[in-house]
PDB file of N, CA and C in Angstrom:
ATOM      1  N   MET A   1     -41.152  46.161  11.600  1.00  0.00           N
ATOM      2  CA  MET A   1     -39.724  45.357  11.455  1.00  0.00           C
ATOM      3  C   MET A   1     -40.019  44.255  12.015  1.00  0.00           C
ATOM      4  N   HIS A   2     -39.901  43.303  11.157  1.00  0.00           N
ATOM      5  CA  HIS A   2     -40.367  41.846  11.682  1.00  0.00           C
ATOM      6  C   HIS A   2     -38.969  41.209  12.127  1.00  0.00           C
ATOM      7  N   GLU A   3     -37.699  41.687  11.584  1.00  0.00           N
ATOM      8  CA  GLU A   3     -36.483  41.021  12.315  1.00  0.00           C
ATOM      9  C   GLU A   3     -36.518  41.370  13.603  1.00  0.00           C
ATOM     10  N   MET A   4     -37.021  42.272  14.289  1.00  0.00           N
ATOM     11  CA  MET A   4     -37.006  42.243  16.188  1.00  0.00           C
ATOM     12  C   MET A   4     -37.472  40.871  16.543  1.00  0.00           C
ATOM     13  N   SER A   5     -38.981  40.712  15.635  1.00  0.00           N
ATOM     14  CA  SER A   5     -39.666  39.459  16.516  1.00  0.00           C
ATOM     15  C   SER A   5     -38.855  37.911  16.032  1.00  0.00           C
ATOM     16  N   LEU A   6     -38.120  38.189  14.794  1.00  0.00           N
ATOM     17  CA  LEU A   6     -37.383  36.621  14.346  1.00  0.00           C
ATOM     18  C   LEU A   6     -35.791  36.716  15.310  1.00  0.00           C
ATOM     19  N   CYS A   7     -35.563  37.921  15.711  1.00  0.00           N
ATOM     20  CA  CYS A   7     -34.351  37.606  16.567  1.00  0.00           C
ATOM     21  C   CYS A   7     -34.858  37.509  18.042  1.00  0.00           C
ATOM     22  N   GLU A   8     -36.037  38.046  18.547  1.00  0.00           N
ATOM     23  CA  GLU A   8     -36.531  37.097  19.924  1.00  0.00           C
ATOM     24  C   GLU A   8     -36.778  35.626  19.532  1.00  0.00           C
ATOM     25  N   GLY A   9     -37.171  35.167  18.457  1.00  0.00           N
ATOM     26  CA  GLY A   9     -37.606  33.941  18.002  1.00  0.00           C
ATOM     27  C   GLY A   9     -36.172  33.189  18.279  1.00  0.00           C
ATOM     28  N   VAL A  10     -35.095  33.759  17.561  1.00  0.00           N
ATOM     29  CA  VAL A  10     -33.574  33.011  17.599  1.00  0.00           C
ATOM     30  C   VAL A  10     -32.814  32.814  19.155  1.00  0.00           C
ATOM     31  N   LEU A  11     -33.406  34.206  20.076  1.00  0.00           N
ATOM     32  CA  LEU A  11     -33.008  34.213  21.546  1.00  0.00           C
ATOM     33  C   LEU A  11     -33.760  33.073  22.181  1.00  0.00           C
ATOM     34  N   GLN A  12     -34.950  33.081  22.119  1.00  0.00           N
ATOM     35  CA  GLN A  12     -35.722  31.935  22.523  1.00  0.00           C
ATOM     36  C   GLN A  12     -34.940  30.622  22.191  1.00  0.00           C
ATOM     37  N   ILE A  13     -34.776  30.253  21.313  1.00  0.00           N
ATOM     38  CA  ILE A  13     -33.919  28.729  20.319  1.00  0.00           C
ATOM     39  C   ILE A  13     -32.875  29.132  21.413  1.00  0.00           C
ATOM     40  N   LEU A  14     -31.951  29.787  21.499  1.00  0.00           N
ATOM     41  CA  LEU A  14     -30.514  29.696  22.106  1.00  0.00           C
ATOM     42  C   LEU A  14     -30.682  29.343  23.521  1.00  0.00           C
ATOM     43  N   GLU A  15     -31.997  29.953  24.207  1.00  0.00           N
ATOM     44  CA  GLU A  15     -31.824  29.968  25.662  1.00  0.00           C
ATOM     45  C   GLU A  15     -32.536  28.553  25.831  1.00  0.00           C
ATOM     46  N   SER A  16     -33.515  27.882  25.047  1.00  0.00           N
ATOM     47  CA  SER A  16     -34.151  26.632  25.247  1.00  0.00           C
ATOM     48  C   SER A  16     -32.623  25.729  25.110  1.00  0.00           C
ATOM     49  N   GLU A  17     -31.581  25.878  23.896  1.00  0.00           N
ATOM     50  CA  GLU A  17     -30.887  24.889  23.652  1.00  0.00           C
ATOM     51  C   GLU A  17     -29.955  24.750  25.062  1.00  0.00           C
ATOM     52  N   ALA A  18     -29.485  26.205  25.584  1.00  0.00           N
ATOM     53  CA  ALA A  18     -28.496  26.143  26.510  1.00  0.00           C
ATOM     54  C   ALA A  18     -29.045  25.270  27.871  1.00  0.00           C
ATOM     55  N   LYS A  19     -30.415  25.401  27.856  1.00  0.00           N
ATOM     56  CA  LYS A  19     -31.006  24.728  29.136  1.00  0.00           C
ATOM     57  C   LYS A  19     -30.554  23.031  28.536  1.00  0.00           C
ATOM     58  N   ARG A  20     -30.680  22.517  27.417  1.00  0.00           N
ATOM     59  CA  ARG A  20     -30.921  21.406  27.080  1.00  0.00           C
ATOM     60  C   ARG A  20     -29.539  20.725  26.876  1.00  0.00           C
ATOM     61  N   GLN A  21     -28.335  21.594  26.431  1.00  0.00           N
ATOM     62  CA  GLN A  21     -27.210  21.084  26.147  1.00  0.00           C
ATOM     63  C   GLN A  21     -26.315  21.788  27.318  1.00  0.00           C
ATOM     64  N   HIS A  22     -26.748  22.561  28.340  1.00  0.00           N
ATOM     65  CA  HIS A  22     -26.030  22.798  29.270  1.00  0.00           C
ATOM     66  C   HIS A  22     -24.923  23.875  28.756  1.00  0.00           C
ATOM     67  N   PHE A  23     -25.125  24.980  28.289  1.00  0.00           N
ATOM     68  CA  PHE A  23     -23.796  25.640  28.010  1.00  0.00           C
ATOM     69  C   PHE A  23     -24.663  27.172  28.753  1.00  0.00           C
ATOM     70  N   THR A  24     -23.602  27.810  28.890  1.00  0.00           N
ATOM     71  CA  THR A  24     -23.885  29.288  29.401  1.00  0.00           C
ATOM     72  C   THR A  24     -23.669  30.693  28.618  1.00  0.00           C
ATOM     73  N   LYS A  25     -22.856  30.227  27.802  1.00  0.00           N
ATOM     74  CA  LYS A  25     -22.474  31.659  26.769  1.00  0.00           C
ATOM     75  C   LYS A  25     -22.359  31.088  25.307  1.00  0.00           C
ATOM     76  N   VAL A  26     -23.176  32.040  24.579  1.00  0.00           N
ATOM     77  CA  VAL A  26     -23.072  31.788  22.965  1.00  0.00           C
ATOM     78  C   VAL A  26     -22.025  32.919  22.526  1.00  0.00           C
ATOM     79  N   LYS A  27     -20.985  32.539  21.793  1.00  0.00           N
ATOM     80  CA  LYS A  27     -20.177  33.464  21.333  1.00  0.00           C
ATOM     81  C   LYS A  27     -20.481  33.678  19.838  1.00  0.00           C
ATOM     82  N   THR A  28     -21.196  32.607  19.009  1.00  0.00           N
ATOM     83  CA  THR A  28     -21.086  33.154  17.737  1.00  0.00           C
ATOM     84  C   THR A  28     -22.108  32.338  17.238  1.00  0.00           C
ATOM     85  N   VAL A  29     -23.138  32.676  16.511  1.00  0.00           N
ATOM     86  CA  VAL A  29     -24.503  32.392  15.971  1.00  0.00           C
ATOM     87  C   VAL A  29     -24.387  32.266  14.196  1.00  0.00           C
ATOM     88  N   TRP A  30     -24.584  31.151  13.755  1.00  0.00           N
ATOM     89  CA  TRP A  30     -24.444  31.249  12.056  1.00  0.00           C
ATOM     90  C   TRP A  30     -25.708  31.052  11.658  1.00  0.00           C
ATOM     91  N   LEU A  31     -26.500  31.987  11.103  1.00  0.00           N
ATOM     92  CA  LEU A  31     -27.901  32.096  10.623  1.00  0.00           C
ATOM     93  C   LEU A  31     -27.646  31.824   8.780  1.00  0.00           C
ATOM     94  N   GLU A  32     -28.569  30.834   8.684  1.00  0.00           N
ATOM     95  CA  GLU A  32     -28.761  30.541   6.943  1.00  0.00           C
ATOM     96  C   GLU A  32     -29.920  31.469   6.748  1.00  0.00           C
ATOM     97  N   ILE A  33     -30.014  32.226   5.780  1.00  0.00           N
ATOM     98  CA  ILE A  33     -31.182  33.451   5.680  1.00  0.00           C
ATOM     99  C   ILE A  33     -31.485  33.146   4.018  1.00  0.00           C
ATOM    100  N   GLY A  34     -32.591  32.702   3.478  1.00  0.00           N
ATOM    101  CA  GLY A  34     -32.772  32.496   2.300  1.00  0.00           C
ATOM    102  C   GLY A  34     -32.905  33.973   1.373  1.00  0.00           C
ATOM    103  N   THR A  35     -32.860  34.231   0.410  1.00  0.00           N
ATOM    104  CA  THR A  35     -32.546  35.274  -0.268  1.00  0.00           C
ATOM    105  C   THR A  35     -33.970  35.899  -1.075  1.00  0.00           C
ATOM    106  N   MET A  36     -34.915  34.927  -0.644  1.00  0.00           N
ATOM    107  CA  MET A  36     -36.334  35.375  -0.981  1.00  0.00           C
ATOM    108  C   MET A  36     -37.400  35.620   0.362  1.00  0.00           C
ATOM    109  N   SER A  37     -36.413  35.534   1.289  1.00  0.00           N
ATOM    110  CA  SER A  37     -37.384  35.157   2.813  1.00  0.00           C
ATOM    111  C   SER A  37     -37.855  36.711   3.235  1.00  0.00           C
ATOM    112  N   GLY A  38     -37.517  37.747   2.703  1.00  0.00           N
ATOM    113  CA  GLY A  38     -38.073  38.827   3.173  1.00  0.00           C
ATOM    114  C   GLY A  38     -37.350  39.349   4.244  1.00  0.00           C
ATOM    115  N   VAL A  39     -36.045  38.948   4.509  1.00  0.00           N
ATOM    116  CA  VAL A  39     -35.380  39.673   5.877  1.00  0.00           C
ATOM    117  C   VAL A  39     -34.268  40.490   5.508  1.00  0.00           C
ATOM    118  N   ASP A  40     -34.369  41.566   5.843  1.00  0.00           N
ATOM    119  CA  ASP A  40     -33.494  42.748   5.696  1.00  0.00           C
ATOM    120  C   ASP A  40     -32.228  41.994   6.432  1.00  0.00           C
ATOM    121  N   ILE A  41     -31.165  42.114   5.788  1.00  0.00           N
ATOM    122  CA  ILE A  41     -30.071  41.407   6.414  1.00  0.00           C
ATOM    123  C   ILE A  41     -29.618  42.390   7.836  1.00  0.00           C
ATOM    124  N   GLU A  42     -29.444  43.701   7.108  1.00  0.00           N
ATOM    125  CA  GLU A  42     -28.860  44.592   8.014  1.00  0.00           C
ATOM    126  C   GLU A  42     -29.736  44.963   9.184  1.00  0.00           C
ATOM    127  N   ALA A  43     -31.144  45.061   9.115  1.00  0.00           N
ATOM    128  CA  ALA A  43     -31.921  45.464  10.107  1.00  0.00           C
ATOM    129  C   ALA A  43     -31.946  44.231  10.994  1.00  0.00           C
ATOM    130  N   MET A  44     -31.524  42.857  10.430  1.00  0.00           N
ATOM    131  CA  MET A  44     -30.985  41.736  11.311  1.00  0.00           C
ATOM    132  C   MET A  44     -30.023  41.902  12.273  1.00  0.00           C
ATOM    133  N   ARG A  45     -29.062  42.310  12.057  1.00  0.00           N
ATOM    134  CA  ARG A  45     -27.786  42.506  12.450  1.00  0.00           C
ATOM    135  C   ARG A  45     -27.966  43.477  13.561  1.00  0.00           C
ATOM    136  N   PHE A  46     -28.938  44.791  13.190  1.00  0.00           N
ATOM    137  CA  PHE A  46     -28.939  45.555  14.189  1.00  0.00           C
ATOM    138  C   PHE A  46     -29.723  44.785  15.275  1.00  0.00           C
ATOM    139  N   CYS A  47     -30.842  44.326  15.299  1.00  0.00           N
ATOM    140  CA  CYS A  47     -31.707  44.061  15.841  1.00  0.00           C
ATOM    141  C   CYS A  47     -31.086  42.766  17.282  1.00  0.00           C
ATOM    142  N   PHE A  48     -30.582  42.110  16.189  1.00  0.00           N
ATOM    143  CA  PHE A  48     -29.714  40.935  16.918  1.00  0.00           C
ATOM    144  C   PHE A  48     -28.997  41.593  18.230  1.00  0.00           C
ATOM    145  N   ASP A  49     -28.207  42.537  18.040  1.00  0.00           N
ATOM    146  CA  ASP A  49     -27.509  43.324  18.748  1.00  0.00           C
ATOM    147  C   ASP A  49     -28.310  43.666  20.148  1.00  0.00           C
ATOM    148  N   VAL A  50     -29.100  44.299  19.852  1.00  0.00           N
ATOM    149  CA  VAL A  50     -30.241  44.795  20.458  1.00  0.00           C
ATOM    150  C   VAL A  50     -30.887  43.736  21.394  1.00  0.00           C
ATOM    151  N   ILE A  51     -31.401  42.949  20.902  1.00  0.00           N
ATOM    152  CA  ILE A  51     -32.064  41.860  21.692  1.00  0.00           C
ATOM    153  C   ILE A  51     -31.213  41.177  22.136  1.00  0.00           C
ATOM    154  N   VAL A  52     -30.025  40.637  22.200  1.00  0.00           N
ATOM    155  CA  VAL A  52     -29.300  39.758  22.649  1.00  0.00           C
ATOM    156  C   VAL A  52     -28.729  40.352  24.071  1.00  0.00           C
ATOM    157  N   ARG A  53     -28.627  41.860  23.838  1.00  0.00           N
ATOM    158  CA  ARG A  53     -28.129  42.395  25.331  1.00  0.00           C
ATOM    159  C   ARG A  53     -28.736  41.928  26.659  1.00  0.00           C
ATOM    160  N   HIS A  54     -27.773  41.652  27.469  1.00  0.00           N
ATOM    161  CA  HIS A  54     -27.778  40.866  28.475  1.00  0.00           C
ATOM    162  C   HIS A  54     -28.398  39.818  28.721  1.00  0.00           C
ATOM    163  N   SER A  55     -28.090  39.062  27.693  1.00  0.00           N
ATOM    164  CA  SER A  55     -28.525  37.510  27.741  1.00  0.00           C
ATOM    165  C   SER A  55     -27.559  36.561  27.951  1.00  0.00           C
ATOM    166  N   LEU A  56     -27.460  35.282  27.571  1.00  0.00           N
ATOM    167  CA  LEU A  56     -26.445  34.543  27.424  1.00  0.00           C
ATOM    168  C   LEU A  56     -25.971  34.634  26.148  1.00  0.00           C
ATOM    169  N   ALA A  57     -26.449  35.554  25.426  1.00  0.00           N
ATOM    170  CA  ALA A  57     -25.845  35.781  23.819  1.00  0.00           C
ATOM    171  C   ALA A  57     -25.155  36.949  23.661  1.00  0.00           C
ATOM    172  N   ASP A  58     -25.124  38.075  25.028  1.00  0.00           N
ATOM    173  CA  ASP A  58     -24.623  39.085  25.001  1.00  0.00           C
ATOM    174  C   ASP A  58     -23.174  39.206  24.146  1.00  0.00           C
ATOM    175  N   GLY A  59     -22.975  40.142  23.283  1.00  0.00           N
ATOM    176  CA  GLY A  59     -21.847  39.840  22.539  1.00  0.00           C
ATOM    177  C   GLY A  59     -21.114  39.358  21.412  1.00  0.00           C
ATOM    178  N   ALA A  60     -22.555  38.397  21.325  1.00  0.00           N
ATOM    179  CA  ALA A  60     -21.927  37.143  20.167  1.00  0.00           C
ATOM    180  C   ALA A  60     -21.975  37.729  19.058  1.00  0.00           C
ATOM    181  N   ARG A  61     -21.265  37.039  18.110  1.00  0.00           N
ATOM    182  CA  ARG A  61     -21.089  37.281  16.737  1.00  0.00           C
ATOM    183  C   ARG A  61     -22.226  36.821  16.116  1.00  0.00           C
ATOM    184  N   LEU A  62     -22.866  37.634  15.022  1.00  0.00           N
ATOM    185  CA  LEU A  62     -23.976  36.991  14.010  1.00  0.00           C
ATOM    186  C   LEU A  62     -23.392  36.970  12.659  1.00  0.00           C
ATOM    187  N   GLU A  63     -23.494  35.619  12.328  1.00  0.00           N
ATOM    188  CA  GLU A  63     -22.596  35.117  10.708  1.00  0.00           C
ATOM    189  C   GLU A  63     -23.939  35.078  10.104  1.00  0.00           C
ATOM    190  N   ILE A  64     -24.003  35.695   8.951  1.00  0.00           N
ATOM    191  CA  ILE A  64     -25.406  35.304   8.219  1.00  0.00           C
ATOM    192  C   ILE A  64     -24.964  34.948   7.029  1.00  0.00           C
ATOM    193  N   ILE A  65     -25.367  33.825   6.681  1.00  0.00           N
ATOM    194  CA  ILE A  65     -24.990  32.801   5.384  1.00  0.00           C
ATOM    195  C   ILE A  65     -26.456  33.227   3.945  1.00  0.00           C
ATOM    196  N   GLU A  66     -26.105  33.979   3.121  1.00  0.00           N
ATOM    197  CA  GLU A  66     -27.275  33.719   2.471  1.00  0.00           C
ATOM    198  C   GLU A  66     -27.175  32.689   1.349  1.00  0.00           C
ATOM    199  N   VAL A  67     -28.892  32.207   1.690  1.00  0.00           N
ATOM    200  CA  VAL A  67     -28.996  31.116   0.635  1.00  0.00           C
ATOM    201  C   VAL A  67     -29.421  31.533  -0.651  1.00  0.00           C
ATOM    202  N   PRO A  68     -28.996  31.125  -1.800  1.00  0.00           N
ATOM    203  CA  PRO A  68     -29.819  31.574  -2.998  1.00  0.00           C
ATOM    204  C   PRO A  68     -30.981  30.972  -3.438  1.00  0.00           C
ATOM    205  N   ALA A  69     -31.861  31.745  -3.740  1.00  0.00           N
ATOM    206  CA  ALA A  69     -33.470  30.822  -4.216  1.00  0.00           C
ATOM    207  C   ALA A  69     -33.231  29.823  -5.235  1.00  0.00           C
ATOM    208  N   GLN A  70     -33.543  28.680  -4.859  1.00  0.00           N
ATOM    209  CA  GLN A  70     -33.700  27.740  -6.345  1.00  0.00           C
ATOM    210  C   GLN A  70     -35.229  27.369  -6.198  1.00  0.00           C
ATOM    211  N   ALA A  71     -35.744  27.079  -7.686  1.00  0.00           N
ATOM    212  CA  ALA A  71     -36.674  27.121  -7.932  1.00  0.00           C
ATOM    213  C   ALA A  71     -36.754  25.522  -9.255  1.00  0.00           C
ATOM    214  N   TRP A  72     -37.684  25.003  -9.103  1.00  0.00           N
ATOM    215  CA  TRP A  72     -37.882  23.475 -10.246  1.00  0.00           C
ATOM    216  C   TRP A  72     -38.594  24.120 -11.263  1.00  0.00           C
ATOM    217  N   CYS A  73     -38.304  23.956 -12.523  1.00  0.00           N
ATOM    218  CA  CYS A  73     -38.786  24.321 -13.812  1.00  0.00           C
ATOM    219  C   CYS A  73     -39.621  23.077 -13.794  1.00  0.00           C
ATOM    220  N   LEU A  74     -40.809  23.379 -14.318  1.00  0.00           N
ATOM    221  CA  LEU A  74     -41.933  22.078 -14.789  1.00  0.00           C
ATOM    222  C   LEU A  74     -41.879  21.866 -16.280  1.00  0.00           C
ATOM    223  N   ASP A  75     -41.323  23.032 -17.404  1.00  0.00           N
ATOM    224  CA  ASP A  75     -41.374  23.126 -18.210  1.00  0.00           C
ATOM    225  C   ASP A  75     -39.931  22.055 -18.914  1.00  0.00           C
ATOM    226  N   CYS A  76     -38.641  22.443 -18.266  1.00  0.00           N
ATOM    227  CA  CYS A  76     -37.367  22.033 -18.531  1.00  0.00           C
ATOM    228  C   CYS A  76     -36.975  20.960 -17.513  1.00  0.00           C
ATOM    229  N   ALA A  77     -37.656  20.684 -16.573  1.00  0.00           N
ATOM    230  CA  ALA A  77     -37.327  19.887 -15.523  1.00  0.00           C
ATOM    231  C   ALA A  77     -35.927  20.013 -15.061  1.00  0.00           C
ATOM    232  N   GLN A  78     -35.542  21.026 -14.654  1.00  0.00           N
ATOM    233  CA  GLN A  78     -34.536  21.344 -14.233  1.00  0.00           C
ATOM    234  C   GLN A  78     -34.454  22.455 -12.826  1.00  0.00           C
ATOM    235  N   THR A  79     -33.361  22.223 -11.865  1.00  0.00           N
ATOM    236  CA  THR A  79     -33.650  23.100 -10.669  1.00  0.00           C
ATOM    237  C   THR A  79     -32.574  24.129 -11.302  1.00  0.00           C
ATOM    238  N   VAL A  80     -33.336  25.565 -10.762  1.00  0.00           N
ATOM    239  CA  VAL A  80     -32.478  26.667 -11.342  1.00  0.00           C
ATOM    240  C   VAL A  80     -32.119  27.786 -10.135  1.00  0.00           C
ATOM    241  N   THR A  81     -31.444  28.614 -10.303  1.00  0.00           N
ATOM    242  CA  THR A  81     -31.296  29.764  -9.300  1.00  0.00           C
ATOM    243  C   THR A  81     -32.011  31.019  -9.700  1.00  0.00           C
ATOM    244  N   VAL A  82     -33.018  31.489  -8.786  1.00  0.00           N
ATOM    245  CA  VAL A  82     -33.693  32.836  -9.079  1.00  0.00           C
ATOM    246  C   VAL A  82     -33.273  33.744  -8.514  1.00  0.00           C
ATOM    247  N   GLN A  83     -33.467  34.738  -8.859  1.00  0.00           N
ATOM    248  CA  GLN A  83     -33.144  36.254  -8.076  1.00  0.00           C
ATOM    249  C   GLN A  83     -34.438  36.755  -7.235  1.00  0.00           C
ATOM    250  N   GLN A  84     -35.608  36.411  -7.944  1.00  0.00           N
ATOM    251  CA  GLN A  84     -36.959  36.856  -7.384  1.00  0.00           C
ATOM    252  C   GLN A  84     -37.995  36.139  -7.514  1.00  0.00           C
ATOM    253  N   ARG A  85     -39.258  36.208  -6.918  1.00  0.00           N
ATOM    254  CA  ARG A  85     -40.321  35.392  -7.195  1.00  0.00           C
ATOM    255  C   ARG A  85     -41.085  35.780  -8.739  1.00  0.00           C
ATOM    256  N   TYR A  86     -41.219  35.037  -9.196  1.00  0.00           N
ATOM    257  CA  TYR A  86     -41.918  35.301 -10.605  1.00  0.00           C
ATOM    258  C   TYR A  86     -40.919  35.961 -11.762  1.00  0.00           C
ATOM    259  N   ASP A  87     -39.405  35.246 -11.486  1.00  0.00           N
ATOM    260  CA  ASP A  87     -38.600  35.411 -12.750  1.00  0.00           C
ATOM    261  C   ASP A  87     -38.731  34.305 -13.534  1.00  0.00           C
ATOM    262  N   ALA A  88     -38.300  34.547 -15.014  1.00  0.00           N
ATOM    263  CA  ALA A  88     -38.294  33.657 -15.629  1.00  0.00           C
ATOM    264  C   ALA A  88     -37.620  32.354 -15.556  1.00  0.00           C
ATOM    265  N   CYS A  89     -37.278  31.088 -16.041  1.00  0.00           N
ATOM    266  CA  CYS A  89     -36.461  29.989 -16.059  1.00  0.00           C
ATOM    267  C   CYS A  89     -35.132  30.437 -16.681  1.00  0.00           C
ATOM    268  N   PRO A  90     -34.191  30.688 -16.154  1.00  0.00           N
ATOM    269  CA  PRO A  90     -33.043  30.902 -16.793  1.00  0.00           C
ATOM    270  C   PRO A  90     -32.545  30.031 -18.246  1.00  0.00           C
ATOM    271  N   GLN A  91     -32.933  28.938 -18.223  1.00  0.00           N
ATOM    272  CA  GLN A  91     -32.821  27.644 -18.909  1.00  0.00           C
ATOM    273  C   GLN A  91     -33.741  27.689 -19.948  1.00  0.00           C
ATOM    274  N   CYS A  92     -34.879  27.811 -19.872  1.00  0.00           N
ATOM    275  CA  CYS A  92     -35.685  27.721 -21.140  1.00  0.00           C
ATOM    276  C   CYS A  92     -36.885  28.791 -21.161  1.00  0.00           C
ATOM    277  N   GLY A  93     -36.607  30.156 -20.258  1.00  0.00           N
ATOM    278  CA  GLY A  93     -37.495  31.321 -20.279  1.00  0.00           C
ATOM    279  C   GLY A  93     -39.121  30.686 -19.813  1.00  0.00           C
ATOM    280  N   SER A  94     -39.399  29.803 -19.441  1.00  0.00           N
ATOM    281  CA  SER A  94     -40.750  29.523 -18.663  1.00  0.00           C
ATOM    282  C   SER A  94     -40.984  30.470 -17.455  1.00  0.00           C
ATOM    283  N   TYR A  95     -42.313  30.516 -16.970  1.00  0.00           N
ATOM    284  CA  TYR A  95     -42.535  31.255 -16.131  1.00  0.00           C
ATOM    285  C   TYR A  95     -43.139  29.810 -14.975  1.00  0.00           C
ATOM    286  N   GLN A  96     -43.068  28.961 -15.403  1.00  0.00           N
ATOM    287  CA  GLN A  96     -43.575  27.870 -14.556  1.00  0.00           C
ATOM    288  C   GLN A  96     -42.675  27.196 -13.396  1.00  0.00           C
ATOM    289  N   LEU A  97     -42.603  27.758 -12.673  1.00  0.00           N
ATOM    290  CA  LEU A  97     -41.495  27.662 -11.540  1.00  0.00           C
ATOM    291  C   LEU A  97     -41.917  27.390 -10.297  1.00  0.00           C
ATOM    292  N   GLN A  98     -41.573  26.397  -9.590  1.00  0.00           N
ATOM    293  CA  GLN A  98     -42.254  26.198  -8.090  1.00  0.00           C
ATOM    294  C   GLN A  98     -40.774  26.358  -7.390  1.00  0.00           C
ATOM    295  N   VAL A  99     -40.675  27.474  -6.449  1.00  0.00           N
ATOM    296  CA  VAL A  99     -39.593  27.792  -5.599  1.00  0.00           C
ATOM    297  C   VAL A  99     -39.397  26.586  -4.461  1.00  0.00           C
ATOM    298  N   THR A 100     -38.018  26.138  -4.541  1.00  0.00           N
ATOM    299  CA  THR A 100     -37.670  24.860  -3.397  1.00  0.00           C
ATOM    300  C   THR A 100     -36.980  25.251  -2.431  1.00  0.00           C
ATOM    301  N   SER A 101     -36.264  26.432  -2.540  1.00  0.00           N
ATOM    302  CA  SER A 101     -35.491  27.080  -1.688  1.00  0.00           C
ATOM    303  C   SER A 101     -35.043  28.172  -1.630  1.00  0.00           C
ATOM    304  N   GLY A 102     -34.595  28.846  -0.492  1.00  0.00           N
ATOM    305  CA  GLY A 102     -34.438  30.204  -0.458  1.00  0.00           C
ATOM    306  C   GLY A 102     -35.212  31.457   0.475  1.00  0.00           C
ATOM    307  N   GLU A 103     -36.496  30.666   0.672  1.00  0.00           N
ATOM    308  CA  GLU A 103     -37.254  31.267   1.809  1.00  0.00           C
ATOM    309  C   GLU A 103     -37.239  31.355   3.445  1.00  0.00           C
ATOM    310  N   GLU A 104     -35.918  30.172   3.682  1.00  0.00           N
ATOM    311  CA  GLU A 104     -36.079  30.040   4.871  1.00  0.00           C
ATOM    312  C   GLU A 104     -35.016  30.456   5.900  1.00  0.00           C
ATOM    313  N   MET A 105     -35.007  30.586   7.013  1.00  0.00           N
ATOM    314  CA  MET A 105     -34.301  31.069   7.963  1.00  0.00           C
ATOM    315  C   MET A 105     -34.150  30.210   8.960  1.00  0.00           C
ATOM    316  N   ARG A 106     -32.756  29.757   9.255  1.00  0.00           N
ATOM    317  CA  ARG A 106     -32.492  28.514  10.570  1.00  0.00           C
ATOM    318  C   ARG A 106     -31.277  28.667  10.867  1.00  0.00           C
ATOM    319  N   ILE A 107     -31.202  28.464  12.012  1.00  0.00           N
ATOM    320  CA  ILE A 107     -29.667  28.290  13.013  1.00  0.00           C
ATOM    321  C   ILE A 107     -28.880  27.414  12.392  1.00  0.00           C
ATOM    322  N   LYS A 108     -27.945  27.579  11.830  1.00  0.00           N
ATOM    323  CA  LYS A 108     -27.105  26.598  11.340  1.00  0.00           C
ATOM    324  C   LYS A 108     -25.995  26.169  12.437  1.00  0.00           C
ATOM    325  N   GLU A 109     -25.432  26.753  13.011  1.00  0.00           N
ATOM    326  CA  GLU A 109     -24.597  26.588  13.931  1.00  0.00           C
ATOM    327  C   GLU A 109     -24.465  27.683  14.993  1.00  0.00           C
ATOM    328  N   LEU A 110     -23.476  27.171  16.209  1.00  0.00           N
ATOM    329  CA  LEU A 110     -23.393  27.819  17.520  1.00  0.00           C
ATOM    330  C   LEU A 110     -22.167  27.433  17.701  1.00  0.00           C
ATOM    331  N   GLU A 111     -21.287  28.621  18.451  1.00  0.00           N
ATOM    332  CA  GLU A 111     -20.586  28.488  19.175  1.00  0.00           C
ATOM    333  C   GLU A 111     -20.446  28.771  20.400  1.00  0.00           C
ATOM    334  N   VAL A 112     -20.537  28.035  21.304  1.00  0.00           N
ATOM    335  CA  VAL A 112     -20.882  28.194  22.915  1.00  0.00           C
ATOM    336  C   VAL A 112     -19.770  27.571  23.974  1.00  0.00           C
ATOM    337  N   GLU A 113     -19.964  28.411  25.283  1.00  0.00           N
ATOM    338  CA  GLU A 113     -19.105  28.015  26.251  1.00  0.00           C
ATOM    339  C   GLU A 113     -20.046  27.378  27.036  1.00  0.00           C
TER     340      GLU A 113
END
């Protein structure tokens, strides 16, 4: 379950930012997670609650924003939304797609005290 290590990384970022920006409590974390990132959203929620226990984010709400995967079609020169890797272009049917987003995970916003 790599979601556990992802949540540990998020907590490290929160702790680092707390020192840098002088806050002591995290109330809400907004995470953008790409639909092709391989992250199981429910596992992420569970792991987040476990990892942040007894930390500056104890009791924090985790809001997840799913980012749709997008790709550039080399044949029709369009940016298209794809559901999974190796999908055909919904515009022209080509398989010459280069994924441009949807694989990432990032902290978008924090609500802190």
